[in-house]
Amino acid sequence: MNRILSPILPPLLAFLLGGVAVAPLYAQHVPPPPQDEAPAPARPWSGLDPAQRDVLAPLKNDWDSMSPRKQARMLQRAERWVTLPPEKREEVRQHIARWQQMTPAERKQARENMRKFHQMPRQQREQLHNTFERFQKLPPAQRERLIREWHALPPAERLHWNERRGHDRPPPPPDGPDQP
């Protein structure tokens, strides 16, 4: 497994630890509404239907102070989200809650990381996505250990993650180095 992750573990960890995990959901570029349409009026939280309030619950405290345009964007997304299975809806709620807890600087960094991700060649994005999927399948203790090790490294050493961890060499034989 280590040899599978070794070539792309450094960019993966940079991707994960840079706040990009939540960015795809929130940093999507939404085209502006056509100019000939008047902006939708603000909708108070109490005017949302139960399914919309359920999905948008993390935004409850901020909803009434949002611009009508932002409310409209969030309602468009909520329309898609209510069609998702319950477990996916819960995942969306958790992403929204994490996004709401981020500082403006963290959100800006997440958007920038997402922009960089979309500028990568398609093959590199796919490789990074596949590595992320494999990373997610690791036992939680192993993921936490890798993240702790990554955070402990100075940025210059993170570039040499593979050499530092010995991923450029094959693993030792299962029975020890002196076994045939």
C-alpha atoms as a PDB file:
ATOM      1  CA  MET A   1       0.000   0.000   0.000  1.00  0.00           C
ATOM      2  CA  ASN A   2       2.854   2.368   0.806  1.00  0.00           C
ATOM      3  CA  ARG A   3       4.316   1.937  -2.671  1.00  0.00           C
ATOM      4  CA  ILE A   4       0.942   2.712  -4.196  1.00  0.00           C
ATOM      5  CA  LEU A   5       0.624   5.966  -2.266  1.00  0.00           C
ATOM      6  CA  SER A   6       4.258   7.031  -2.443  1.00  0.00           C
ATOM      7  CA  PRO A   7       4.362   8.863  -5.776  1.00  0.00           C
ATOM      8  CA  ILE A   8       1.451  11.122  -5.025  1.00  0.00           C
ATOM      9  CA  LEU A   9       1.280  11.238  -1.244  1.00  0.00           C
ATOM     10  CA  PRO A  10       2.964  14.667  -0.981  1.00  0.00           C
ATOM     11  CA  PRO A  11       0.502  16.436  -3.281  1.00  0.00           C
ATOM     12  CA  LEU A  12      -2.367  14.523  -1.699  1.00  0.00           C
ATOM     13  CA  LEU A  13      -1.446  15.648   1.780  1.00  0.00           C
ATOM     14  CA  ALA A  14      -0.961  19.208   0.582  1.00  0.00           C
ATOM     15  CA  PHE A  15      -4.365  18.956  -1.041  1.00  0.00           C
ATOM     16  CA  LEU A  16      -6.027  17.575   2.087  1.00  0.00           C
ATOM     17  CA  LEU A  17      -4.282  19.747   4.609  1.00  0.00           C
ATOM     18  CA  GLY A  18      -4.770  22.876   2.558  1.00  0.00           C
ATOM     19  CA  GLY A  19      -8.493  22.832   3.117  1.00  0.00           C
ATOM     20  CA  VAL A  20      -9.440  21.597  -0.301  1.00  0.00           C
ATOM     21  CA  ALA A  21     -11.589  18.787   0.976  1.00  0.00           C
ATOM     22  CA  VAL A  22     -14.505  21.093   1.481  1.00  0.00           C
ATOM     23  CA  ALA A  23     -13.835  23.459  -1.366  1.00  0.00           C
ATOM     24  CA  PRO A  24     -15.479  21.488  -4.196  1.00  0.00           C
ATOM     25  CA  LEU A  25     -18.860  21.893  -2.598  1.00  0.00           C
ATOM     26  CA  TYR A  26     -18.621  25.595  -1.890  1.00  0.00           C
ATOM     27  CA  ALA A  27     -16.100  27.076  -4.255  1.00  0.00           C
ATOM     28  CA  GLN A  28     -17.983  26.188  -7.400  1.00  0.00           C
ATOM     29  CA  HIS A  29     -18.121  29.020  -9.855  1.00  0.00           C
ATOM     30  CA  VAL A  30     -21.755  29.862 -10.389  1.00  0.00           C
ATOM     31  CA  PRO A  31     -22.445  32.065 -13.400  1.00  0.00           C
ATOM     32  CA  PRO A  32     -24.217  35.324 -12.613  1.00  0.00           C
ATOM     33  CA  PRO A  33     -27.941  35.430 -13.321  1.00  0.00           C
ATOM     34  CA  PRO A  34     -28.948  36.872 -16.677  1.00  0.00           C
ATOM     35  CA  GLN A  35     -28.979  40.664 -16.626  1.00  0.00           C
ATOM     36  CA  ASP A  36     -32.572  40.946 -17.818  1.00  0.00           C
ATOM     37  CA  GLU A  37     -33.914  39.152 -14.728  1.00  0.00           C
ATOM     38  CA  ALA A  38     -34.513  41.056 -11.542  1.00  0.00           C
ATOM     39  CA  PRO A  39     -32.713  39.613  -8.532  1.00  0.00           C
ATOM     40  CA  ALA A  40     -34.856  37.340  -6.423  1.00  0.00           C
ATOM     41  CA  PRO A  41     -36.216  38.959  -3.285  1.00  0.00           C
ATOM     42  CA  ALA A  42     -34.759  37.953   0.058  1.00  0.00           C
ATOM     43  CA  ARG A  43     -36.488  34.985   1.642  1.00  0.00           C
ATOM     44  CA  PRO A  44     -36.631  34.801   5.415  1.00  0.00           C
ATOM     45  CA  TRP A  45     -35.618  31.545   7.073  1.00  0.00           C
ATOM     46  CA  SER A  46     -39.230  30.999   8.125  1.00  0.00           C
ATOM     47  CA  GLY A  47     -40.255  31.156   4.440  1.00  0.00           C
ATOM     48  CA  LEU A  48     -38.211  28.082   3.494  1.00  0.00           C
ATOM     49  CA  ASP A  49     -39.892  24.713   3.251  1.00  0.00           C
ATOM     50  CA  PRO A  50     -38.906  21.988   5.751  1.00  0.00           C
ATOM     51  CA  ALA A  51     -36.654  20.122   3.293  1.00  0.00           C
ATOM     52  CA  GLN A  52     -34.736  23.314   2.478  1.00  0.00           C
ATOM     53  CA  ARG A  53     -34.373  24.203   6.161  1.00  0.00           C
ATOM     54  CA  ASP A  54     -33.160  20.663   6.851  1.00  0.00           C
ATOM     55  CA  VAL A  55     -30.380  20.849   4.253  1.00  0.00           C
ATOM     56  CA  LEU A  56     -29.474  24.463   4.995  1.00  0.00           C
ATOM     57  CA  ALA A  57     -29.647  24.109   8.803  1.00  0.00           C
ATOM     58  CA  PRO A  58     -25.978  25.115   9.324  1.00  0.00           C
ATOM     59  CA  LEU A  59     -26.812  28.466   7.704  1.00  0.00           C
ATOM     60  CA  LYS A  60     -29.830  29.181   9.920  1.00  0.00           C
ATOM     61  CA  ASN A  61     -28.166  31.893  12.023  1.00  0.00           C
ATOM     62  CA  ASP A  62     -26.758  33.704   8.978  1.00  0.00           C
ATOM     63  CA  TRP A  63     -29.609  33.142   6.509  1.00  0.00           C
ATOM     64  CA  ASP A  64     -31.622  36.310   7.077  1.00  0.00           C
ATOM     65  CA  SER A  65     -28.512  38.495   6.754  1.00  0.00           C
ATOM     66  CA  MET A  66     -27.424  36.912   3.431  1.00  0.00           C
ATOM     67  CA  SER A  67     -27.899  38.831   0.217  1.00  0.00           C
ATOM     68  CA  PRO A  68     -30.861  37.720  -1.894  1.00  0.00           C
ATOM     69  CA  ARG A  69     -28.417  36.601  -4.590  1.00  0.00           C
ATOM     70  CA  LYS A  70     -26.511  34.357  -2.166  1.00  0.00           C
ATOM     71  CA  GLN A  71     -29.788  32.980  -0.813  1.00  0.00           C
ATOM     72  CA  ALA A  72     -30.873  32.188  -4.373  1.00  0.00           C
ATOM     73  CA  ARG A  73     -27.605  30.326  -5.073  1.00  0.00           C
ATOM     74  CA  MET A  74     -27.937  28.324  -1.877  1.00  0.00           C
ATOM     75  CA  LEU A  75     -31.564  27.495  -2.664  1.00  0.00           C
ATOM     76  CA  GLN A  76     -30.541  26.249  -6.128  1.00  0.00           C
ATOM     77  CA  ARG A  77     -28.016  23.957  -4.506  1.00  0.00           C
ATOM     78  CA  ALA A  78     -30.559  22.859  -1.908  1.00  0.00           C
ATOM     79  CA  GLU A  79     -32.891  21.802  -4.728  1.00  0.00           C
ATOM     80  CA  ARG A  80     -30.216  19.381  -5.918  1.00  0.00           C
ATOM     81  CA  TRP A  81     -29.318  18.255  -2.422  1.00  0.00           C
ATOM     82  CA  VAL A  82     -32.884  17.305  -1.418  1.00  0.00           C
ATOM     83  CA  THR A  83     -32.839  14.695  -4.178  1.00  0.00           C
ATOM     84  CA  LEU A  84     -29.822  13.001  -2.597  1.00  0.00           C
ATOM     85  CA  PRO A  85     -30.108   9.949  -0.348  1.00  0.00           C
ATOM     86  CA  PRO A  86     -30.214  10.763   3.399  1.00  0.00           C
ATOM     87  CA  GLU A  87     -26.566   9.805   4.025  1.00  0.00           C
ATOM     88  CA  LYS A  88     -25.382  12.150   1.249  1.00  0.00           C
ATOM     89  CA  ARG A  89     -27.561  14.950   2.634  1.00  0.00           C
ATOM     90  CA  GLU A  90     -25.924  14.512   6.029  1.00  0.00           C
ATOM     91  CA  GLU A  91     -22.527  14.694   4.363  1.00  0.00           C
ATOM     92  CA  VAL A  92     -23.548  17.958   2.676  1.00  0.00           C
ATOM     93  CA  ARG A  93     -24.732  19.399   6.006  1.00  0.00           C
ATOM     94  CA  GLN A  94     -21.381  18.532   7.562  1.00  0.00           C
ATOM     95  CA  HIS A  95     -19.519  20.208   4.677  1.00  0.00           C
ATOM     96  CA  ILE A  96     -21.621  23.348   5.051  1.00  0.00           C
ATOM     97  CA  ALA A  97     -20.990  23.412   8.790  1.00  0.00           C
ATOM     98  CA  ARG A  98     -17.229  23.067   8.283  1.00  0.00           C
ATOM     99  CA  TRP A  99     -17.259  25.805   5.652  1.00  0.00           C
ATOM    100  CA  GLN A 100     -19.176  28.117   7.996  1.00  0.00           C
ATOM    101  CA  GLN A 101     -16.563  27.539  10.716  1.00  0.00           C
ATOM    102  CA  MET A 102     -13.667  28.469   8.433  1.00  0.00           C
ATOM    103  CA  THR A 103     -12.136  31.906   8.666  1.00  0.00           C
ATOM    104  CA  PRO A 104     -12.246  34.152   5.585  1.00  0.00           C
ATOM    105  CA  ALA A 105      -8.531  33.444   5.065  1.00  0.00           C
ATOM    106  CA  GLU A 106      -9.125  29.681   5.188  1.00  0.00           C
ATOM    107  CA  ARG A 107     -11.990  30.003   2.703  1.00  0.00           C
ATOM    108  CA  LYS A 108      -9.805  32.067   0.398  1.00  0.00           C
ATOM    109  CA  GLN A 109      -7.067  29.425   0.613  1.00  0.00           C
ATOM    110  CA  ALA A 110      -9.578  26.660  -0.102  1.00  0.00           C
ATOM    111  CA  ARG A 111     -10.834  28.504  -3.183  1.00  0.00           C
ATOM    112  CA  GLU A 112      -7.261  29.070  -4.374  1.00  0.00           C
ATOM    113  CA  ASN A 113      -6.423  25.389  -3.877  1.00  0.00           C
ATOM    114  CA  MET A 114      -9.513  24.421  -5.830  1.00  0.00           C
ATOM    115  CA  ARG A 115      -8.548  26.805  -8.644  1.00  0.00           C
ATOM    116  CA  LYS A 116      -5.098  25.188  -8.774  1.00  0.00           C
ATOM    117  CA  PHE A 117      -6.664  21.720  -8.734  1.00  0.00           C
ATOM    118  CA  HIS A 118      -8.831  22.575 -11.748  1.00  0.00           C
ATOM    119  CA  GLN A 119      -5.792  23.927 -13.604  1.00  0.00           C
ATOM    120  CA  MET A 120      -3.969  20.601 -13.259  1.00  0.00           C
ATOM    121  CA  PRO A 121      -3.942  18.296 -16.268  1.00  0.00           C
ATOM    122  CA  ARG A 122      -6.894  15.890 -16.251  1.00  0.00           C
ATOM    123  CA  GLN A 123      -4.655  12.863 -15.690  1.00  0.00           C
ATOM    124  CA  GLN A 124      -3.000  14.459 -12.669  1.00  0.00           C
ATOM    125  CA  ARG A 125      -6.414  15.387 -11.192  1.00  0.00           C
ATOM    126  CA  GLU A 126      -7.610  11.814 -11.664  1.00  0.00           C
ATOM    127  CA  GLN A 127      -4.456  10.455 -10.042  1.00  0.00           C
ATOM    128  CA  LEU A 128      -4.888  12.804  -7.102  1.00  0.00           C
ATOM    129  CA  HIS A 129      -8.550  11.849  -6.782  1.00  0.00           C
ATOM    130  CA  ASN A 130      -7.704   8.132  -6.836  1.00  0.00           C
ATOM    131  CA  THR A 131      -5.010   8.644  -4.211  1.00  0.00           C
ATOM    132  CA  PHE A 132      -7.463  10.563  -2.056  1.00  0.00           C
ATOM    133  CA  GLU A 133      -9.915   7.663  -2.345  1.00  0.00           C
ATOM    134  CA  ARG A 134      -7.200   5.207  -1.255  1.00  0.00           C
ATOM    135  CA  PHE A 135      -6.207   7.542   1.588  1.00  0.00           C
ATOM    136  CA  GLN A 136      -9.830   7.620   2.757  1.00  0.00           C
ATOM    137  CA  LYS A 137      -9.882   3.811   2.849  1.00  0.00           C
ATOM    138  CA  LEU A 138      -6.876   3.642   5.187  1.00  0.00           C
ATOM    139  CA  PRO A 139      -7.660   2.835   8.812  1.00  0.00           C
ATOM    140  CA  PRO A 140      -8.328   6.064  10.760  1.00  0.00           C
ATOM    141  CA  ALA A 141      -5.270   5.554  12.961  1.00  0.00           C
ATOM    142  CA  GLN A 142      -2.997   5.291   9.918  1.00  0.00           C
ATOM    143  CA  ARG A 143      -4.538   8.400   8.310  1.00  0.00           C
ATOM    144  CA  GLU A 144      -4.099  10.364  11.540  1.00  0.00           C
ATOM    145  CA  ARG A 145      -0.487   9.204  11.846  1.00  0.00           C
ATOM    146  CA  LEU A 146       0.311  10.317   8.287  1.00  0.00           C
ATOM    147  CA  ILE A 147      -1.312  13.690   8.876  1.00  0.00           C
ATOM    148  CA  ARG A 148       0.600  14.186  12.148  1.00  0.00           C
ATOM    149  CA  GLU A 149       3.874  13.290  10.422  1.00  0.00           C
ATOM    150  CA  TRP A 150       3.077  15.685   7.591  1.00  0.00           C
ATOM    151  CA  HIS A 151       2.292  18.559   9.972  1.00  0.00           C
ATOM    152  CA  ALA A 152       5.493  17.912  11.915  1.00  0.00           C
ATOM    153  CA  LEU A 153       7.644  18.439   8.818  1.00  0.00           C
ATOM    154  CA  PRO A 154       8.934  21.868   7.834  1.00  0.00           C
ATOM    155  CA  PRO A 155       7.566  22.901   4.403  1.00  0.00           C
ATOM    156  CA  ALA A 156      10.921  22.360   2.668  1.00  0.00           C
ATOM    157  CA  GLU A 157      11.075  18.764   3.899  1.00  0.00           C
ATOM    158  CA  ARG A 158       7.522  18.059   2.751  1.00  0.00           C
ATOM    159  CA  LEU A 159       8.829  18.251  -0.799  1.00  0.00           C
ATOM    160  CA  HIS A 160      11.011  15.247  -0.016  1.00  0.00           C
ATOM    161  CA  TRP A 161       8.349  13.201   1.785  1.00  0.00           C
ATOM    162  CA  ASN A 162       9.011  10.105  -0.339  1.00  0.00           C
ATOM    163  CA  GLU A 163      12.761  10.002   0.335  1.00  0.00           C
ATOM    164  CA  ARG A 164      12.310  10.744   4.041  1.00  0.00           C
ATOM    165  CA  ARG A 165       9.851   7.879   4.450  1.00  0.00           C
ATOM    166  CA  GLY A 166      11.872   5.513   2.276  1.00  0.00           C
ATOM    167  CA  HIS A 167       9.069   5.083  -0.261  1.00  0.00           C
ATOM    168  CA  ASP A 168      11.605   4.978  -3.061  1.00  0.00           C
ATOM    169  CA  ARG A 169      12.872   1.604  -1.815  1.00  0.00           C
ATOM    170  CA  PRO A 170      10.956  -1.689  -1.791  1.00  0.00           C
ATOM    171  CA  PRO A 171       9.590  -2.798   1.587  1.00  0.00           C
ATOM    172  CA  PRO A 172      11.619  -5.342   3.576  1.00  0.00           C
ATOM    173  CA  PRO A 173      10.769  -9.024   3.088  1.00  0.00           C
ATOM    174  CA  PRO A 174       7.898 -10.239   5.318  1.00  0.00           C
ATOM    175  CA  ASP A 175      10.077 -12.602   7.405  1.00  0.00           C
ATOM    176  CA  GLY A 176      12.957 -10.195   7.974  1.00  0.00           C
ATOM    177  CA  PRO A 177      16.021  -9.124   5.991  1.00  0.00           C
ATOM    178  CA  ASP A 178      18.004 -12.350   6.425  1.00  0.00           C
ATOM    179  CA  GLN A 179      15.275 -14.742   5.222  1.00  0.00           C
ATOM    180  CA  PRO A 180      15.364 -16.087   1.629  1.00  0.00           C
END
